[in-house]
C-alpha atoms as a PDB file:
ATOM      1  CA  MET A   1      37.513  73.477  40.465  1.00  0.00           C
ATOM      2  CA  LEU A   2      38.027  76.882  41.304  1.00  0.00           C
ATOM      3  CA  SER A   3      39.826  77.986  44.620  1.00  0.00           C
ATOM      4  CA  GLY A   4      38.638  81.077  46.535  1.00  0.00           C
ATOM      5  CA  TYR A   5      40.664  82.894  49.479  1.00  0.00           C
ATOM      6  CA  ILE A   6      38.416  84.685  51.870  1.00  0.00           C
ATOM      7  CA  VAL A   7      39.281  86.874  54.861  1.00  0.00           C
ATOM      8  CA  GLN A   8      36.395  87.437  57.353  1.00  0.00           C
ATOM      9  CA  SER A   9      36.652  89.806  60.159  1.00  0.00           C
ATOM     10  CA  PHE A  10      34.509  90.255  63.227  1.00  0.00           C
ATOM     11  CA  GLN A  11      34.110  93.376  65.357  1.00  0.00           C
ATOM     12  CA  LEU A  12      32.622  93.494  68.676  1.00  0.00           C
ATOM     13  CA  ARG A  13      29.351  95.313  69.348  1.00  0.00           C
ATOM     14  CA  GLY A  14      28.956  95.180  73.151  1.00  0.00           C
ATOM     15  CA  HIS A  15      29.423  91.540  73.859  1.00  0.00           C
ATOM     16  CA  LYS A  16      28.366  90.121  70.418  1.00  0.00           C
ATOM     17  CA  PRO A  17      30.699  89.546  67.430  1.00  0.00           C
ATOM     18  CA  VAL A  18      29.624  91.172  64.156  1.00  0.00           C
ATOM     19  CA  ALA A  19      30.718  90.028  61.010  1.00  0.00           C
ATOM     20  CA  ASP A  20      32.269  92.533  58.592  1.00  0.00           C
ATOM     21  CA  GLN A  21      32.120  92.336  54.877  1.00  0.00           C
ATOM     22  CA  PRO A  22      34.249  89.337  53.769  1.00  0.00           C
ATOM     23  CA  ARG A  23      37.164  90.213  51.536  1.00  0.00           C
ATOM     24  CA  ILE A  24      38.541  88.147  48.556  1.00  0.00           C
ATOM     25  CA  THR A  25      42.285  87.689  48.105  1.00  0.00           C
ATOM     26  CA  ARG A  26      44.297  86.331  45.255  1.00  0.00           C
ATOM     27  CA  ASN A  27      45.910  83.467  46.879  1.00  0.00           C
ATOM     28  CA  GLY A  28      46.287  81.807  50.480  1.00  0.00           C
ATOM     29  CA  GLU A  29      49.344  83.841  51.517  1.00  0.00           C
ATOM     30  CA  ALA A  30      47.811  87.087  50.834  1.00  0.00           C
ATOM     31  CA  ALA A  31      44.567  86.018  52.844  1.00  0.00           C
ATOM     32  CA  MET A  32      46.693  84.972  55.814  1.00  0.00           C
ATOM     33  CA  GLU A  33      48.832  88.337  55.504  1.00  0.00           C
ATOM     34  CA  LEU A  34      45.583  90.260  55.418  1.00  0.00           C
ATOM     35  CA  ALA A  35      43.962  88.409  58.361  1.00  0.00           C
ATOM     36  CA  GLN A  36      47.173  88.818  60.407  1.00  0.00           C
ATOM     37  CA  ARG A  37      47.216  92.392  59.540  1.00  0.00           C
ATOM     38  CA  ILE A  38      43.859  93.503  60.382  1.00  0.00           C
ATOM     39  CA  GLY A  39      43.293  90.781  63.185  1.00  0.00           C
ATOM     40  CA  SER A  40      45.597  93.123  65.517  1.00  0.00           C
ATOM     41  CA  GLU A  41      42.852  95.918  65.032  1.00  0.00           C
ATOM     42  CA  ILE A  42      39.502  94.178  65.391  1.00  0.00           C
ATOM     43  CA  ALA A  43      38.073  91.507  67.671  1.00  0.00           C
ATOM     44  CA  ASP A  44      38.746  88.594  65.192  1.00  0.00           C
ATOM     45  CA  ALA A  45      39.920  87.567  61.847  1.00  0.00           C
ATOM     46  CA  MET A  46      40.099  84.546  59.725  1.00  0.00           C
ATOM     47  CA  ALA A  47      41.551  83.347  56.469  1.00  0.00           C
ATOM     48  CA  PHE A  48      40.227  80.433  54.530  1.00  0.00           C
ATOM     49  CA  SER A  49      40.058  78.669  51.358  1.00  0.00           C
ATOM     50  CA  GLN A  50      37.307  76.771  49.575  1.00  0.00           C
ATOM     51  CA  GLN A  51      37.269  74.875  46.491  1.00  0.00           C
ATOM     52  CA  VAL A  52      34.107  75.699  44.223  1.00  0.00           C
ATOM     53  CA  ASP A  53      32.893  73.498  41.148  1.00  0.00           C
ATOM     54  CA  THR A  54      31.149  75.964  38.821  1.00  0.00           C
ATOM     55  CA  GLU A  55      29.714  73.384  36.513  1.00  0.00           C
ATOM     56  CA  THR A  56      27.842  71.588  39.485  1.00  0.00           C
ATOM     57  CA  ASP A  57      27.436  74.742  41.673  1.00  0.00           C
ATOM     58  CA  THR A  58      28.785  72.990  44.565  1.00  0.00           C
ATOM     59  CA  SER A  59      31.780  73.843  46.885  1.00  0.00           C
ATOM     60  CA  ASP A  60      33.751  71.878  49.533  1.00  0.00           C
ATOM     61  CA  GLU A  61      33.692  72.681  53.243  1.00  0.00           C
ATOM     62  CA  PRO A  62      36.098  75.772  53.869  1.00  0.00           C
ATOM     63  CA  ARG A  63      39.711  75.004  55.007  1.00  0.00           C
ATOM     64  CA  LEU A  64      40.895  77.273  57.826  1.00  0.00           C
ATOM     65  CA  LEU A  65      44.262  78.662  57.173  1.00  0.00           C
ATOM     66  CA  TYR A  66      44.699  81.392  59.833  1.00  0.00           C
ATOM     67  CA  ARG A  67      42.909  82.904  62.777  1.00  0.00           C
ATOM     68  CA  VAL A  68      43.820  85.561  64.874  1.00  0.00           C
ATOM     69  CA  GLY A  69      42.107  88.054  67.461  1.00  0.00           C
ATOM     70  CA  ALA A  70      40.297  87.952  71.032  1.00  0.00           C
ATOM     71  CA  LEU A  71      37.603  85.790  69.961  1.00  0.00           C
ATOM     72  CA  ALA A  72      40.194  83.105  68.469  1.00  0.00           C
ATOM     73  CA  LEU A  73      41.643  83.015  71.753  1.00  0.00           C
ATOM     74  CA  GLY A  74      38.246  82.638  73.654  1.00  0.00           C
ATOM     75  CA  LEU A  75      38.511  85.837  75.697  1.00  0.00           C
END
């Protein structure tokens, strides 16, 4: 199994959140730091990890590591 660490950010277009290109990081700490840094500049950012089994082409549910921004606060 492989571990993936992804940061997904969103920007508001009008009142609708639009996803940015996901960013892959080397570990969970790097993902949380990146989400924290970009979350102050945009509507929302989250860091999560996911386990992937390349032999069976299956993956576990993503695990949220960190979330910040206006959407996270329900604003």
